[in-house]
């Protein structure tokens, strides 16, 4: 497992928590998030994503590995355990960085 950049580690640490301010600090102001067939642009929409899409459930995030694809691109497979249908899900987080912050995040099975 490759050593992940600080913003990626911090995002993964708070992804299952309700600390939206810390989570937003991991992203560039113009970041783009793709999740559940929707796209969210910038901090205001990412905040809305956190407060609507991801806050429906309580869950923990377990990092299963990490792969550095380029200096600014990472793939991190994770397992979510929580109170959503099925209780467990395996997802891949594809992250692109700019100036040390996440500029793009795509979450997919």
N, C-alpha and C. Protein backbone atom coordinates (compact mmCIF):
# COMPACT_ATOMS: atom_id res chain seq x y z
N UNK A 1 0.85 -1.17 0.00
CA UNK A 1 0.00 0.00 0.00
C UNK A 1 0.90 1.24 0.00
N UNK A 2 0.66 2.13 -0.94
CA UNK A 2 1.45 3.35 -1.05
C UNK A 2 1.04 4.35 0.03
N UNK A 3 1.98 5.19 0.45
CA UNK A 3 1.69 6.22 1.43
C UNK A 3 0.89 7.33 0.77
N UNK A 4 -0.32 7.55 1.25
CA UNK A 4 -1.22 8.51 0.64
C UNK A 4 -0.92 9.94 1.08
N UNK A 5 -1.24 10.91 0.23
CA UNK A 5 -1.09 12.32 0.61
C UNK A 5 -1.98 12.65 1.81
N UNK A 6 -1.60 13.68 2.55
CA UNK A 6 -2.32 14.05 3.77
C UNK A 6 -3.80 14.35 3.52
N UNK A 7 -4.13 15.05 2.44
CA UNK A 7 -5.54 15.39 2.19
C UNK A 7 -6.37 14.14 1.93
N UNK A 8 -5.80 13.14 1.29
CA UNK A 8 -6.51 11.89 1.04
C UNK A 8 -6.71 11.14 2.35
N UNK A 9 -5.67 11.04 3.17
CA UNK A 9 -5.79 10.37 4.47
C UNK A 9 -6.84 11.07 5.33
N UNK A 10 -6.80 12.40 5.37
CA UNK A 10 -7.75 13.15 6.18
C UNK A 10 -9.18 12.94 5.68
N UNK A 11 -9.37 12.97 4.34
CA UNK A 11 -10.70 12.72 3.78
C UNK A 11 -11.21 11.34 4.21
N UNK A 12 -10.38 10.32 4.08
CA UNK A 12 -10.79 8.97 4.44
C UNK A 12 -11.08 8.85 5.93
N UNK A 13 -10.34 9.58 6.75
CA UNK A 13 -10.58 9.56 8.20
C UNK A 13 -11.93 10.15 8.57
N UNK A 14 -12.37 11.19 7.87
CA UNK A 14 -13.61 11.88 8.24
C UNK A 14 -14.79 11.54 7.34
N UNK A 15 -14.59 10.70 6.33
CA UNK A 15 -15.66 10.41 5.36
C UNK A 15 -16.90 9.82 6.00
N UNK A 16 -16.74 9.01 7.04
CA UNK A 16 -17.89 8.40 7.69
C UNK A 16 -18.43 9.21 8.86
N UNK A 17 -17.84 10.37 9.12
CA UNK A 17 -18.25 11.20 10.24
C UNK A 17 -19.07 12.38 9.73
N UNK A 18 -19.57 13.18 10.61
CA UNK A 18 -20.38 14.33 10.24
C UNK A 18 -19.61 15.64 10.21
N UNK A 19 -18.28 15.59 10.20
CA UNK A 19 -17.46 16.79 10.25
C UNK A 19 -17.28 17.37 8.85
N UNK A 20 -18.29 18.08 8.40
CA UNK A 20 -18.29 18.61 7.04
C UNK A 20 -17.20 19.65 6.84
N UNK A 21 -16.93 20.49 7.82
CA UNK A 21 -15.92 21.53 7.68
C UNK A 21 -14.54 20.92 7.42
N UNK A 22 -14.17 19.91 8.19
CA UNK A 22 -12.88 19.25 7.98
C UNK A 22 -12.85 18.57 6.63
N UNK A 23 -13.94 17.92 6.25
CA UNK A 23 -14.01 17.24 4.96
C UNK A 23 -13.84 18.24 3.82
N UNK A 24 -14.52 19.38 3.88
CA UNK A 24 -14.40 20.38 2.82
C UNK A 24 -12.97 20.91 2.71
N UNK A 25 -12.26 20.96 3.82
CA UNK A 25 -10.88 21.40 3.80
C UNK A 25 -9.95 20.48 3.03
N UNK A 26 -10.40 19.30 2.69
CA UNK A 26 -9.61 18.35 1.90
C UNK A 26 -9.70 18.63 0.41
N UNK A 27 -10.68 19.46 0.00
CA UNK A 27 -10.99 19.70 -1.40
C UNK A 27 -10.58 21.09 -1.86
N UNK A 28 -10.20 21.21 -3.14
CA UNK A 28 -10.03 22.53 -3.73
C UNK A 28 -11.39 23.21 -3.80
N UNK A 29 -11.41 24.52 -3.91
CA UNK A 29 -12.69 25.25 -3.93
C UNK A 29 -13.53 24.91 -5.15
N UNK A 30 -12.90 24.45 -6.23
CA UNK A 30 -13.63 24.10 -7.46
C UNK A 30 -13.68 22.58 -7.70
N UNK A 31 -13.51 21.80 -6.64
CA UNK A 31 -13.48 20.34 -6.76
C UNK A 31 -14.79 19.79 -7.33
N UNK A 32 -14.68 18.59 -7.90
CA UNK A 32 -15.83 17.90 -8.47
C UNK A 32 -15.91 16.51 -7.83
N UNK A 33 -17.11 16.15 -7.37
CA UNK A 33 -17.35 14.83 -6.80
C UNK A 33 -18.40 14.12 -7.65
N UNK A 34 -18.13 12.87 -8.02
CA UNK A 34 -19.07 12.02 -8.75
C UNK A 34 -19.45 10.88 -7.82
N UNK A 35 -20.75 10.77 -7.51
CA UNK A 35 -21.22 9.72 -6.61
C UNK A 35 -22.68 9.41 -6.91
N UNK A 36 -23.02 8.14 -6.95
CA UNK A 36 -24.40 7.67 -7.15
C UNK A 36 -25.06 8.32 -8.37
N UNK A 37 -24.30 8.44 -9.46
CA UNK A 37 -24.84 8.99 -10.70
C UNK A 37 -25.05 10.49 -10.69
N UNK A 38 -24.54 11.17 -9.69
CA UNK A 38 -24.68 12.62 -9.59
C UNK A 38 -23.30 13.26 -9.56
N UNK A 39 -23.25 14.53 -9.95
CA UNK A 39 -22.01 15.29 -9.94
C UNK A 39 -22.21 16.55 -9.11
N UNK A 40 -21.24 16.84 -8.26
CA UNK A 40 -21.29 17.99 -7.36
C UNK A 40 -20.05 18.84 -7.60
N UNK A 41 -20.25 20.14 -7.83
CA UNK A 41 -19.17 21.07 -8.17
C UNK A 41 -18.97 22.09 -7.05
N UNK A 42 -17.76 22.21 -6.57
CA UNK A 42 -17.44 23.25 -5.59
C UNK A 42 -17.90 22.93 -4.18
N UNK A 43 -17.43 23.73 -3.25
CA UNK A 43 -17.70 23.47 -1.83
C UNK A 43 -19.18 23.49 -1.49
N UNK A 44 -19.97 24.40 -2.05
CA UNK A 44 -21.39 24.46 -1.70
C UNK A 44 -22.11 23.18 -2.10
N UNK A 45 -21.85 22.68 -3.31
CA UNK A 45 -22.51 21.44 -3.74
C UNK A 45 -21.96 20.23 -3.01
N UNK A 46 -20.67 20.23 -2.72
CA UNK A 46 -20.10 19.11 -1.96
C UNK A 46 -20.69 19.08 -0.55
N UNK A 47 -20.89 20.25 0.04
CA UNK A 47 -21.56 20.32 1.35
C UNK A 47 -22.97 19.73 1.23
N UNK A 48 -23.70 20.09 0.18
CA UNK A 48 -25.06 19.56 -0.03
C UNK A 48 -25.01 18.04 -0.20
N UNK A 49 -24.03 17.54 -0.94
CA UNK A 49 -23.85 16.09 -1.11
C UNK A 49 -23.68 15.43 0.25
N UNK A 50 -22.83 16.00 1.09
CA UNK A 50 -22.59 15.43 2.42
C UNK A 50 -23.83 15.48 3.28
N UNK A 51 -24.60 16.56 3.16
CA UNK A 51 -25.76 16.74 4.02
C UNK A 51 -26.99 15.99 3.52
N UNK A 52 -27.00 15.56 2.26
CA UNK A 52 -28.17 14.86 1.72
C UNK A 52 -27.84 13.42 1.37
N UNK A 53 -26.99 13.22 0.39
CA UNK A 53 -26.71 11.87 -0.11
C UNK A 53 -26.02 11.00 0.93
N UNK A 54 -24.92 11.47 1.50
CA UNK A 54 -24.14 10.60 2.39
C UNK A 54 -24.62 10.59 3.83
N UNK A 55 -25.44 11.57 4.24
CA UNK A 55 -25.87 11.61 5.64
C UNK A 55 -27.09 10.74 5.91
N UNK A 56 -27.63 10.10 4.89
CA UNK A 56 -28.80 9.22 5.10
C UNK A 56 -28.44 8.02 5.96
N UNK A 57 -27.16 7.67 6.00
CA UNK A 57 -26.74 6.46 6.70
C UNK A 57 -25.56 6.77 7.61
N UNK A 58 -25.38 5.92 8.61
CA UNK A 58 -24.21 5.96 9.46
C UNK A 58 -23.32 4.80 9.02
N UNK A 59 -22.03 5.09 8.83
CA UNK A 59 -21.14 4.03 8.34
C UNK A 59 -19.70 4.32 8.73
N UNK A 60 -18.90 3.27 8.67
CA UNK A 60 -17.46 3.40 8.87
C UNK A 60 -16.77 3.08 7.55
N UNK A 61 -15.59 3.63 7.37
CA UNK A 61 -14.80 3.43 6.16
C UNK A 61 -13.53 2.69 6.54
N UNK A 62 -13.31 1.54 5.91
CA UNK A 62 -12.07 0.79 6.11
C UNK A 62 -11.29 0.79 4.81
N UNK A 63 -10.09 1.33 4.84
CA UNK A 63 -9.24 1.37 3.65
C UNK A 63 -8.65 -0.02 3.43
N UNK A 64 -8.82 -0.53 2.21
CA UNK A 64 -8.35 -1.87 1.88
C UNK A 64 -7.01 -1.86 1.15
N UNK A 65 -6.55 -0.68 0.75
CA UNK A 65 -5.29 -0.55 0.03
C UNK A 65 -5.22 0.83 -0.59
N UNK A 66 -4.18 1.06 -1.37
CA UNK A 66 -4.08 2.32 -2.12
C UNK A 66 -3.09 2.11 -3.25
N UNK A 67 -3.35 2.78 -4.34
CA UNK A 67 -2.46 2.69 -5.50
C UNK A 67 -2.25 4.08 -6.06
N UNK A 68 -0.98 4.44 -6.20
CA UNK A 68 -0.62 5.72 -6.79
C UNK A 68 -0.49 5.52 -8.30
N UNK A 69 -1.41 6.13 -9.06
CA UNK A 69 -1.40 5.99 -10.51
C UNK A 69 -0.46 6.99 -11.18
N UNK A 70 -0.32 8.15 -10.56
CA UNK A 70 0.58 9.21 -11.02
C UNK A 70 0.85 10.09 -9.80
N UNK A 71 1.70 11.10 -9.92
CA UNK A 71 1.96 11.93 -8.74
C UNK A 71 0.69 12.56 -8.15
N UNK A 72 -0.33 12.76 -8.97
CA UNK A 72 -1.54 13.43 -8.48
C UNK A 72 -2.81 12.59 -8.62
N UNK A 73 -2.66 11.30 -8.82
CA UNK A 73 -3.86 10.46 -9.00
C UNK A 73 -3.72 9.17 -8.21
N UNK A 74 -4.80 8.87 -7.44
CA UNK A 74 -4.81 7.72 -6.55
C UNK A 74 -6.09 6.93 -6.71
N UNK A 75 -6.00 5.63 -6.48
CA UNK A 75 -7.18 4.77 -6.37
C UNK A 75 -7.10 4.11 -5.00
N UNK A 76 -8.21 4.22 -4.25
CA UNK A 76 -8.25 3.67 -2.89
C UNK A 76 -9.50 2.80 -2.76
N UNK A 77 -9.34 1.48 -2.72
CA UNK A 77 -10.49 0.62 -2.47
C UNK A 77 -10.85 0.66 -0.98
N UNK A 78 -12.15 0.73 -0.70
CA UNK A 78 -12.60 0.81 0.69
C UNK A 78 -13.77 -0.14 0.91
N UNK A 79 -14.00 -0.45 2.17
CA UNK A 79 -15.19 -1.19 2.58
C UNK A 79 -15.99 -0.29 3.52
N UNK A 80 -17.27 -0.13 3.22
CA UNK A 80 -18.16 0.62 4.10
C UNK A 80 -19.00 -0.38 4.87
N UNK A 81 -19.14 -0.17 6.16
CA UNK A 81 -20.01 -0.97 7.01
C UNK A 81 -20.95 0.00 7.71
N UNK A 82 -22.28 -0.26 7.58
CA UNK A 82 -23.20 0.66 8.20
C UNK A 82 -24.64 0.22 8.15
N UNK A 83 -25.53 1.18 8.35
CA UNK A 83 -26.96 0.89 8.44
C UNK A 83 -27.69 1.12 7.11
N UNK A 84 -26.99 0.98 6.00
CA UNK A 84 -27.60 1.07 4.68
C UNK A 84 -28.01 -0.33 4.21
N UNK A 85 -28.86 -0.42 3.19
CA UNK A 85 -29.29 -1.75 2.70
C UNK A 85 -28.08 -2.63 2.37
N UNK A 86 -28.06 -3.82 2.89
CA UNK A 86 -26.95 -4.75 2.68
C UNK A 86 -25.89 -4.67 3.76
N UNK A 87 -25.75 -3.51 4.40
CA UNK A 87 -24.85 -3.36 5.54
C UNK A 87 -23.37 -3.24 5.23
N UNK A 88 -22.94 -3.76 4.09
CA UNK A 88 -21.53 -3.69 3.70
C UNK A 88 -21.44 -3.41 2.20
N UNK A 89 -20.50 -2.56 1.83
CA UNK A 89 -20.27 -2.27 0.41
C UNK A 89 -18.78 -2.09 0.18
N UNK A 90 -18.33 -2.54 -0.96
CA UNK A 90 -16.95 -2.29 -1.39
C UNK A 90 -17.01 -1.28 -2.52
N UNK A 91 -16.22 -0.21 -2.36
CA UNK A 91 -16.20 0.86 -3.34
C UNK A 91 -14.77 1.21 -3.69
N UNK A 92 -14.62 1.86 -4.82
CA UNK A 92 -13.33 2.41 -5.21
C UNK A 92 -13.41 3.92 -5.22
N UNK A 93 -12.48 4.57 -4.56
CA UNK A 93 -12.38 6.02 -4.59
C UNK A 93 -11.23 6.37 -5.53
N UNK A 94 -11.54 7.09 -6.59
CA UNK A 94 -10.50 7.58 -7.50
C UNK A 94 -10.35 9.07 -7.23
N UNK A 95 -9.16 9.47 -6.83
CA UNK A 95 -8.91 10.84 -6.40
C UNK A 95 -7.83 11.49 -7.25
N UNK A 96 -8.09 12.72 -7.66
CA UNK A 96 -7.11 13.52 -8.37
C UNK A 96 -6.79 14.72 -7.48
N UNK A 97 -5.51 15.02 -7.35
CA UNK A 97 -5.07 16.12 -6.49
C UNK A 97 -4.56 17.30 -7.32
N UNK A 98 -4.69 18.48 -6.73
CA UNK A 98 -4.08 19.69 -7.27
C UNK A 98 -3.61 20.52 -6.09
N UNK A 99 -2.35 20.89 -6.10
CA UNK A 99 -1.78 21.67 -5.00
C UNK A 99 -2.01 21.00 -3.64
N UNK A 100 -1.96 19.68 -3.61
CA UNK A 100 -2.08 18.93 -2.36
C UNK A 100 -3.49 18.69 -1.88
N UNK A 101 -4.50 19.21 -2.60
CA UNK A 101 -5.90 19.00 -2.21
C UNK A 101 -6.62 18.18 -3.26
N UNK A 102 -7.74 17.59 -2.88
CA UNK A 102 -8.53 16.78 -3.81
C UNK A 102 -9.28 17.71 -4.76
N UNK A 103 -9.03 17.54 -6.06
CA UNK A 103 -9.72 18.36 -7.07
C UNK A 103 -10.83 17.55 -7.74
N UNK A 104 -10.73 16.22 -7.65
CA UNK A 104 -11.78 15.37 -8.21
C UNK A 104 -11.84 14.07 -7.43
N UNK A 105 -13.07 13.63 -7.16
CA UNK A 105 -13.30 12.37 -6.47
C UNK A 105 -14.42 11.65 -7.20
N UNK A 106 -14.14 10.42 -7.61
CA UNK A 106 -15.16 9.57 -8.21
C UNK A 106 -15.30 8.34 -7.34
N UNK A 107 -16.54 8.08 -6.91
CA UNK A 107 -16.83 6.92 -6.06
C UNK A 107 -17.65 5.94 -6.89
N UNK A 108 -17.15 4.71 -7.01
CA UNK A 108 -17.82 3.72 -7.84
C UNK A 108 -17.63 2.33 -7.23
N UNK A 109 -18.58 1.43 -7.53
CA UNK A 109 -18.43 0.05 -7.04
C UNK A 109 -17.22 -0.64 -7.65
